N, C-alpha and C. Protein backbone atom coordinates (compact mmCIF):
# COMPACT_ATOMS: atom_id res chain seq x y z
N UNK A 1 92.49 122.39 120.08
CA UNK A 1 93.16 123.27 119.14
C UNK A 1 94.36 122.55 118.50
N UNK A 2 95.13 121.85 119.33
CA UNK A 2 96.28 121.10 118.81
C UNK A 2 95.85 120.08 117.77
N UNK A 3 94.73 119.40 118.05
CA UNK A 3 94.21 118.39 117.13
C UNK A 3 93.77 119.03 115.82
N UNK A 4 93.12 120.16 115.90
CA UNK A 4 92.68 120.87 114.68
C UNK A 4 93.88 121.33 113.86
N UNK A 5 94.92 121.82 114.54
CA UNK A 5 96.14 122.22 113.83
C UNK A 5 96.78 121.04 113.12
N UNK A 6 96.77 119.88 113.76
CA UNK A 6 97.32 118.67 113.15
C UNK A 6 96.53 118.32 111.89
N UNK A 7 95.21 118.43 111.96
CA UNK A 7 94.37 118.14 110.80
C UNK A 7 94.65 119.12 109.66
N UNK A 8 94.80 120.39 109.98
CA UNK A 8 95.12 121.40 108.96
C UNK A 8 96.46 121.07 108.31
N UNK A 9 97.47 120.74 109.12
CA UNK A 9 98.79 120.39 108.59
C UNK A 9 98.73 119.16 107.69
N UNK A 10 98.01 118.14 108.15
CA UNK A 10 97.90 116.91 107.38
C UNK A 10 97.18 117.17 106.06
N UNK A 11 96.09 117.92 106.09
CA UNK A 11 95.36 118.24 104.86
C UNK A 11 96.22 119.05 103.90
N UNK A 12 97.03 119.95 104.44
CA UNK A 12 97.93 120.72 103.58
C UNK A 12 98.96 119.78 102.93
N UNK A 13 99.55 118.90 103.72
CA UNK A 13 100.53 117.96 103.20
C UNK A 13 99.92 117.06 102.13
N UNK A 14 98.73 116.54 102.38
CA UNK A 14 98.08 115.64 101.43
C UNK A 14 97.62 116.41 100.19
N UNK A 15 97.16 117.65 100.36
CA UNK A 15 96.76 118.46 99.21
C UNK A 15 97.92 118.71 98.27
N UNK A 16 99.07 119.03 98.81
CA UNK A 16 100.27 119.25 97.99
C UNK A 16 100.71 117.93 97.36
N UNK A 17 100.58 116.83 98.10
CA UNK A 17 100.92 115.51 97.56
C UNK A 17 100.02 115.19 96.37
N UNK A 18 98.74 115.49 96.50
CA UNK A 18 97.80 115.26 95.40
C UNK A 18 98.20 116.07 94.17
N UNK A 19 98.54 117.34 94.38
CA UNK A 19 98.97 118.20 93.26
C UNK A 19 100.22 117.63 92.60
N UNK A 20 101.19 117.20 93.41
CA UNK A 20 102.43 116.66 92.86
C UNK A 20 102.19 115.35 92.10
N UNK A 21 101.27 114.54 92.59
CA UNK A 21 100.93 113.29 91.90
C UNK A 21 100.40 113.60 90.50
N UNK A 22 99.54 114.60 90.41
CA UNK A 22 98.95 114.98 89.11
C UNK A 22 100.02 115.61 88.21
N UNK A 23 100.76 116.58 88.74
CA UNK A 23 101.77 117.30 87.93
C UNK A 23 102.84 116.35 87.40
N UNK A 24 103.31 115.44 88.24
CA UNK A 24 104.40 114.54 87.83
C UNK A 24 103.88 113.24 87.22
N UNK A 25 102.55 113.05 87.24
CA UNK A 25 101.93 111.83 86.74
C UNK A 25 102.55 110.59 87.41
N UNK A 26 102.71 110.70 88.74
CA UNK A 26 103.38 109.65 89.52
C UNK A 26 102.57 109.33 90.77
N UNK A 27 102.42 108.05 91.05
CA UNK A 27 101.74 107.62 92.27
C UNK A 27 102.57 108.03 93.49
N UNK A 28 101.87 108.47 94.55
CA UNK A 28 102.51 108.83 95.81
C UNK A 28 101.92 107.99 96.93
N UNK A 29 102.70 107.86 97.98
CA UNK A 29 102.27 107.08 99.15
C UNK A 29 102.36 107.98 100.37
N UNK A 30 101.30 108.00 101.17
CA UNK A 30 101.31 108.69 102.46
C UNK A 30 101.44 107.60 103.50
N UNK A 31 102.59 107.59 104.17
CA UNK A 31 102.95 106.51 105.08
C UNK A 31 102.86 106.98 106.53
N UNK A 32 102.12 106.25 107.33
CA UNK A 32 102.03 106.48 108.77
C UNK A 32 102.93 105.45 109.44
N UNK A 33 104.15 105.85 109.74
CA UNK A 33 105.10 105.00 110.47
C UNK A 33 105.16 105.63 111.86
N UNK A 34 104.14 105.33 112.65
CA UNK A 34 103.85 106.08 113.88
C UNK A 34 105.04 106.18 114.81
N UNK A 35 105.28 107.39 115.27
CA UNK A 35 104.44 108.59 115.22
C UNK A 35 104.67 109.50 114.00
N UNK A 36 105.45 109.06 113.02
CA UNK A 36 105.78 109.92 111.88
C UNK A 36 104.84 109.66 110.70
N UNK A 37 104.46 110.74 110.04
CA UNK A 37 103.72 110.66 108.78
C UNK A 37 104.65 111.23 107.72
N UNK A 38 104.84 110.49 106.62
CA UNK A 38 105.74 110.99 105.57
C UNK A 38 105.14 110.70 104.19
N UNK A 39 105.60 111.47 103.22
CA UNK A 39 105.18 111.30 101.83
C UNK A 39 106.33 110.69 101.04
N UNK A 40 105.99 109.68 100.25
CA UNK A 40 106.96 109.02 99.38
C UNK A 40 106.42 109.03 97.95
N UNK A 41 107.32 108.97 97.00
CA UNK A 41 106.95 109.03 95.59
C UNK A 41 107.44 107.77 94.89
N UNK A 42 106.62 107.23 93.98
CA UNK A 42 107.04 106.06 93.21
C UNK A 42 108.22 106.45 92.32
N UNK A 43 109.26 105.64 92.35
CA UNK A 43 110.45 105.90 91.53
C UNK A 43 110.35 105.07 90.25
N UNK A 44 111.34 105.20 89.42
CA UNK A 44 111.42 104.39 88.20
C UNK A 44 111.89 102.97 88.51
N UNK A 45 112.40 102.77 89.70
CA UNK A 45 112.90 101.45 90.11
C UNK A 45 111.72 100.54 90.45
N UNK A 46 111.92 99.24 90.25
CA UNK A 46 110.88 98.25 90.51
C UNK A 46 111.43 97.10 91.36
N UNK A 47 110.51 96.48 92.11
CA UNK A 47 110.88 95.27 92.84
C UNK A 47 110.96 94.12 91.83
N UNK A 48 111.42 92.96 92.27
CA UNK A 48 111.49 91.80 91.38
C UNK A 48 110.10 91.36 90.90
N UNK A 49 109.05 91.75 91.67
CA UNK A 49 107.68 91.44 91.26
C UNK A 49 107.09 92.50 90.34
N UNK A 50 107.85 93.58 90.10
CA UNK A 50 107.38 94.64 89.20
C UNK A 50 106.67 95.80 89.87
N UNK A 51 106.57 95.77 91.20
CA UNK A 51 105.92 96.86 91.94
C UNK A 51 106.88 98.05 92.05
N UNK A 52 106.35 99.27 92.04
CA UNK A 52 107.24 100.43 92.16
C UNK A 52 107.89 100.50 93.54
N UNK A 53 109.10 101.01 93.56
CA UNK A 53 109.80 101.27 94.81
C UNK A 53 109.58 102.74 95.13
N UNK A 54 109.14 103.02 96.35
CA UNK A 54 108.84 104.39 96.76
C UNK A 54 110.04 105.00 97.46
N UNK A 55 110.31 106.26 97.14
CA UNK A 55 111.44 106.99 97.71
C UNK A 55 110.97 108.30 98.31
N UNK A 56 111.79 108.87 99.17
CA UNK A 56 111.49 110.18 99.75
C UNK A 56 111.34 111.21 98.65
N UNK A 57 110.41 112.13 98.84
CA UNK A 57 110.22 113.20 97.86
C UNK A 57 111.27 114.28 98.08
N UNK A 58 111.65 114.93 97.00
CA UNK A 58 112.62 116.02 97.07
C UNK A 58 111.97 117.26 96.48
N UNK A 59 112.46 118.42 96.87
CA UNK A 59 111.96 119.70 96.36
C UNK A 59 110.46 119.85 96.57
N UNK A 60 109.99 119.46 97.74
CA UNK A 60 108.58 119.57 98.09
C UNK A 60 108.31 120.98 98.60
N UNK A 61 107.12 121.51 98.38
CA UNK A 61 106.78 122.87 98.79
C UNK A 61 106.77 123.01 100.31
N UNK A 62 106.29 121.98 100.99
CA UNK A 62 106.29 121.96 102.45
C UNK A 62 107.15 120.77 102.89
N UNK A 63 107.45 120.72 104.16
CA UNK A 63 108.21 119.59 104.69
C UNK A 63 107.40 118.30 104.45
N UNK A 64 108.02 117.26 103.85
CA UNK A 64 107.25 116.06 103.49
C UNK A 64 107.04 115.07 104.63
N UNK A 65 107.12 115.54 105.87
CA UNK A 65 106.84 114.67 107.00
C UNK A 65 106.31 115.50 108.18
N UNK A 66 105.68 114.82 109.09
CA UNK A 66 105.15 115.44 110.30
C UNK A 66 105.04 114.37 111.37
N UNK A 67 104.75 114.81 112.62
CA UNK A 67 104.68 113.88 113.74
C UNK A 67 103.32 113.97 114.42
N UNK A 68 102.77 112.81 114.76
CA UNK A 68 101.50 112.73 115.50
C UNK A 68 101.83 112.90 116.98
N UNK A 69 101.16 113.86 117.66
CA UNK A 69 101.42 114.06 119.10
C UNK A 69 101.12 112.80 119.92
N UNK A 70 101.79 112.67 121.05
CA UNK A 70 101.64 111.49 121.91
C UNK A 70 100.24 111.34 122.49
N UNK A 71 99.50 112.45 122.59
CA UNK A 71 98.16 112.36 123.17
C UNK A 71 97.13 111.80 122.18
N UNK A 72 97.51 111.65 120.91
CA UNK A 72 96.61 111.08 119.91
C UNK A 72 96.92 109.59 119.77
N UNK A 73 95.91 108.77 120.01
CA UNK A 73 96.06 107.32 119.96
C UNK A 73 95.18 106.79 118.82
N UNK A 74 95.81 106.31 117.75
CA UNK A 74 95.06 105.77 116.61
C UNK A 74 94.58 104.38 116.97
N UNK A 75 93.26 104.19 116.90
CA UNK A 75 92.65 102.92 117.25
C UNK A 75 92.33 102.07 116.03
N UNK A 76 91.87 102.71 114.96
CA UNK A 76 91.57 102.01 113.72
C UNK A 76 92.05 102.86 112.55
N UNK A 77 92.55 102.20 111.52
CA UNK A 77 92.99 102.88 110.31
C UNK A 77 92.41 102.08 109.15
N UNK A 78 91.24 102.52 108.70
CA UNK A 78 90.52 101.78 107.67
C UNK A 78 90.87 102.32 106.28
N UNK A 79 91.30 101.41 105.41
CA UNK A 79 91.56 101.74 104.01
C UNK A 79 90.71 100.79 103.19
N UNK A 80 89.87 101.37 102.33
CA UNK A 80 88.93 100.57 101.55
C UNK A 80 88.09 99.66 102.46
N UNK A 81 87.76 100.14 103.66
CA UNK A 81 86.91 99.42 104.60
C UNK A 81 87.62 98.35 105.42
N UNK A 82 88.91 98.18 105.25
CA UNK A 82 89.67 97.16 106.00
C UNK A 82 90.52 97.86 107.05
N UNK A 83 90.42 97.38 108.31
CA UNK A 83 91.20 97.95 109.40
C UNK A 83 92.64 97.45 109.32
N UNK A 84 93.50 98.28 108.78
CA UNK A 84 94.90 97.91 108.60
C UNK A 84 95.66 97.83 109.92
N UNK A 85 95.15 98.45 110.98
CA UNK A 85 95.81 98.40 112.29
C UNK A 85 95.76 96.99 112.89
N UNK A 86 94.69 96.26 112.64
CA UNK A 86 94.51 94.99 113.34
C UNK A 86 94.54 93.78 112.42
N UNK A 87 94.82 93.96 111.15
CA UNK A 87 94.76 92.81 110.25
C UNK A 87 95.98 91.91 110.31
N UNK A 88 97.03 92.34 110.96
CA UNK A 88 98.24 91.53 111.01
C UNK A 88 98.25 90.66 112.27
N UNK A 89 98.73 89.44 112.13
CA UNK A 89 98.82 88.52 113.26
C UNK A 89 99.80 89.09 114.28
N UNK A 90 99.44 89.01 115.54
CA UNK A 90 100.34 89.47 116.59
C UNK A 90 100.09 90.89 117.04
N UNK A 91 98.98 91.49 116.59
CA UNK A 91 98.65 92.81 117.12
C UNK A 91 98.68 93.92 116.09
N UNK A 92 98.71 95.12 116.63
CA UNK A 92 98.60 96.31 115.79
C UNK A 92 99.86 96.57 114.98
N UNK A 93 99.63 96.98 113.76
CA UNK A 93 100.72 97.41 112.90
C UNK A 93 101.04 98.86 113.22
N UNK A 94 102.28 99.24 113.12
CA UNK A 94 102.67 100.64 113.36
C UNK A 94 103.02 101.33 112.05
N UNK A 95 103.00 100.60 110.94
CA UNK A 95 103.33 101.19 109.65
C UNK A 95 102.19 100.90 108.67
N UNK A 96 101.49 101.97 108.31
CA UNK A 96 100.32 101.85 107.44
C UNK A 96 100.41 102.95 106.40
N UNK A 97 99.94 102.69 105.21
CA UNK A 97 100.00 103.71 104.17
C UNK A 97 98.78 103.63 103.27
N UNK A 98 98.54 104.74 102.59
CA UNK A 98 97.54 104.76 101.52
C UNK A 98 98.16 105.47 100.33
N UNK A 99 97.55 105.26 99.18
CA UNK A 99 98.10 105.79 97.95
C UNK A 99 97.26 106.93 97.39
N UNK A 100 97.94 107.83 96.71
CA UNK A 100 97.29 108.84 95.88
C UNK A 100 97.78 108.55 94.47
N UNK A 101 96.85 108.22 93.60
CA UNK A 101 97.21 107.81 92.24
C UNK A 101 97.72 108.99 91.42
N UNK A 102 98.29 108.68 90.27
CA UNK A 102 98.84 109.71 89.38
C UNK A 102 97.76 110.68 88.88
N UNK A 103 96.49 110.26 88.95
CA UNK A 103 95.41 111.17 88.56
C UNK A 103 94.83 111.93 89.76
N UNK A 104 95.46 111.78 90.94
CA UNK A 104 95.07 112.56 92.12
C UNK A 104 94.00 111.96 92.99
N UNK A 105 93.55 110.75 92.69
CA UNK A 105 92.51 110.10 93.49
C UNK A 105 93.18 109.32 94.63
N UNK A 106 92.69 109.55 95.85
CA UNK A 106 93.22 108.85 97.03
C UNK A 106 92.36 107.63 97.35
N UNK A 107 92.94 106.69 98.05
CA UNK A 107 92.15 105.57 98.55
C UNK A 107 91.21 106.09 99.64
N UNK A 108 90.04 105.46 99.80
CA UNK A 108 89.15 105.86 100.90
C UNK A 108 89.79 105.50 102.24
N UNK A 109 89.89 106.50 103.13
CA UNK A 109 90.56 106.31 104.42
C UNK A 109 89.70 106.85 105.54
N UNK A 110 89.60 106.08 106.62
CA UNK A 110 88.96 106.52 107.87
C UNK A 110 89.94 106.21 109.00
N UNK A 111 90.25 107.23 109.79
CA UNK A 111 91.14 107.02 110.94
C UNK A 111 90.34 107.33 112.20
N UNK A 112 90.15 106.32 113.04
CA UNK A 112 89.45 106.47 114.31
C UNK A 112 90.48 106.60 115.42
N UNK A 113 90.35 107.67 116.23
CA UNK A 113 91.37 107.98 117.22
C UNK A 113 90.78 108.38 118.56
N UNK A 114 91.64 108.38 119.57
CA UNK A 114 91.32 108.93 120.88
C UNK A 114 92.28 110.06 121.17
N UNK A 115 91.74 111.14 121.73
CA UNK A 115 92.57 112.26 122.18
C UNK A 115 92.61 112.16 123.71
N UNK A 116 93.75 111.72 124.24
CA UNK A 116 93.88 111.51 125.68
C UNK A 116 93.71 112.80 126.46
N UNK A 117 94.16 113.92 125.92
CA UNK A 117 94.00 115.22 126.59
C UNK A 117 92.53 115.60 126.68
N UNK A 118 91.78 115.39 125.62
CA UNK A 118 90.36 115.73 125.59
C UNK A 118 89.60 114.90 126.60
N UNK A 119 89.96 113.63 126.73
CA UNK A 119 89.30 112.74 127.67
C UNK A 119 89.53 113.20 129.10
N UNK A 120 90.73 113.63 129.42
CA UNK A 120 91.07 114.08 130.78
C UNK A 120 90.36 115.40 131.09
N UNK A 121 90.41 116.35 130.16
CA UNK A 121 89.83 117.68 130.39
C UNK A 121 88.32 117.66 130.52
N UNK A 122 87.65 116.96 129.61
CA UNK A 122 86.20 117.07 129.56
C UNK A 122 85.47 115.89 130.18
N UNK A 123 86.17 114.80 130.42
CA UNK A 123 85.52 113.61 130.95
C UNK A 123 84.81 112.83 129.85
N UNK A 124 84.85 113.33 128.60
CA UNK A 124 84.24 112.62 127.48
C UNK A 124 85.15 111.47 127.07
N UNK A 125 84.70 110.71 126.10
CA UNK A 125 85.50 109.57 125.64
C UNK A 125 86.74 110.03 124.90
N UNK A 126 86.70 111.22 124.32
CA UNK A 126 87.84 111.71 123.55
C UNK A 126 87.93 111.10 122.16
N UNK A 127 86.90 110.36 121.74
CA UNK A 127 86.95 109.70 120.44
C UNK A 127 86.57 110.67 119.32
N UNK A 128 87.25 110.50 118.19
CA UNK A 128 86.96 111.29 117.00
C UNK A 128 87.47 110.53 115.78
N UNK A 129 87.05 110.96 114.61
CA UNK A 129 87.45 110.32 113.36
C UNK A 129 87.83 111.36 112.33
N UNK A 130 88.76 110.97 111.48
CA UNK A 130 89.06 111.74 110.28
C UNK A 130 88.68 110.86 109.10
N UNK A 131 87.84 111.40 108.22
CA UNK A 131 87.37 110.67 107.05
C UNK A 131 87.83 111.41 105.80
N UNK A 132 88.50 110.70 104.92
CA UNK A 132 89.04 111.33 103.71
C UNK A 132 88.06 111.24 102.55
N UNK A 133 87.90 112.36 101.86
CA UNK A 133 87.19 112.38 100.60
C UNK A 133 88.23 111.98 99.54
N UNK A 134 88.05 110.86 98.85
CA UNK A 134 89.07 110.39 97.91
C UNK A 134 89.33 111.34 96.73
N UNK A 135 88.34 112.16 96.38
CA UNK A 135 88.49 113.05 95.23
C UNK A 135 89.22 114.34 95.58
N UNK A 136 88.91 114.89 96.75
CA UNK A 136 89.59 116.12 97.17
C UNK A 136 90.87 115.80 97.96
N UNK A 137 91.02 114.53 98.38
CA UNK A 137 92.15 114.08 99.20
C UNK A 137 92.28 114.96 100.45
N UNK A 138 91.15 115.21 101.10
CA UNK A 138 91.13 116.00 102.32
C UNK A 138 90.32 115.27 103.38
N UNK A 139 90.81 115.36 104.63
CA UNK A 139 90.11 114.75 105.76
C UNK A 139 89.13 115.74 106.36
N UNK A 140 88.02 115.20 106.86
CA UNK A 140 87.04 115.96 107.63
C UNK A 140 86.91 115.26 108.98
N UNK A 141 86.77 116.06 110.05
CA UNK A 141 86.70 115.49 111.40
C UNK A 141 85.26 115.25 111.83
N UNK A 142 85.06 114.14 112.52
CA UNK A 142 83.76 113.78 113.14
C UNK A 142 84.00 113.52 114.61
N UNK A 143 82.98 113.77 115.43
CA UNK A 143 83.11 113.66 116.89
C UNK A 143 82.95 112.23 117.43
N UNK A 144 82.77 111.27 116.57
CA UNK A 144 82.69 109.89 117.03
C UNK A 144 83.26 108.98 115.95
N UNK A 145 83.55 107.74 116.32
CA UNK A 145 84.13 106.80 115.38
C UNK A 145 83.21 106.59 114.17
N UNK A 146 83.81 106.45 113.02
CA UNK A 146 83.10 106.20 111.78
C UNK A 146 83.48 104.82 111.25
N UNK A 147 82.65 104.28 110.42
CA UNK A 147 82.93 102.99 109.77
C UNK A 147 82.78 103.18 108.30
């Protein structure tokens, strides 16, 4: 139940982010700085390379951040088919993000996780996945890891 509530919260946060991206015609970033998930918005400021600088959103309908419970262990975070958790030298990254463009399209995202509570209670592996539909910017849950 806790896991399902987290998915509902995340989908609500991303749905509002998608709406704001379209309404403001501005790219948004959903950042997983574990255990925190937050929404950032592209500002008018640019880096020296010309990339947008992302800032905290203001006047958001819902709180623009949330926390992943300790019993949820993210094993893979695939964006456009690349596992962003393990692509960095020296181990897993703890800060990963995906973008929602100004037209509301999200990057393809698959998050493969373990629920430690589920594993203890049922004796199952506790593995599950959230797969995002890039057009609706909503995650759907699956009972096993996805690729």
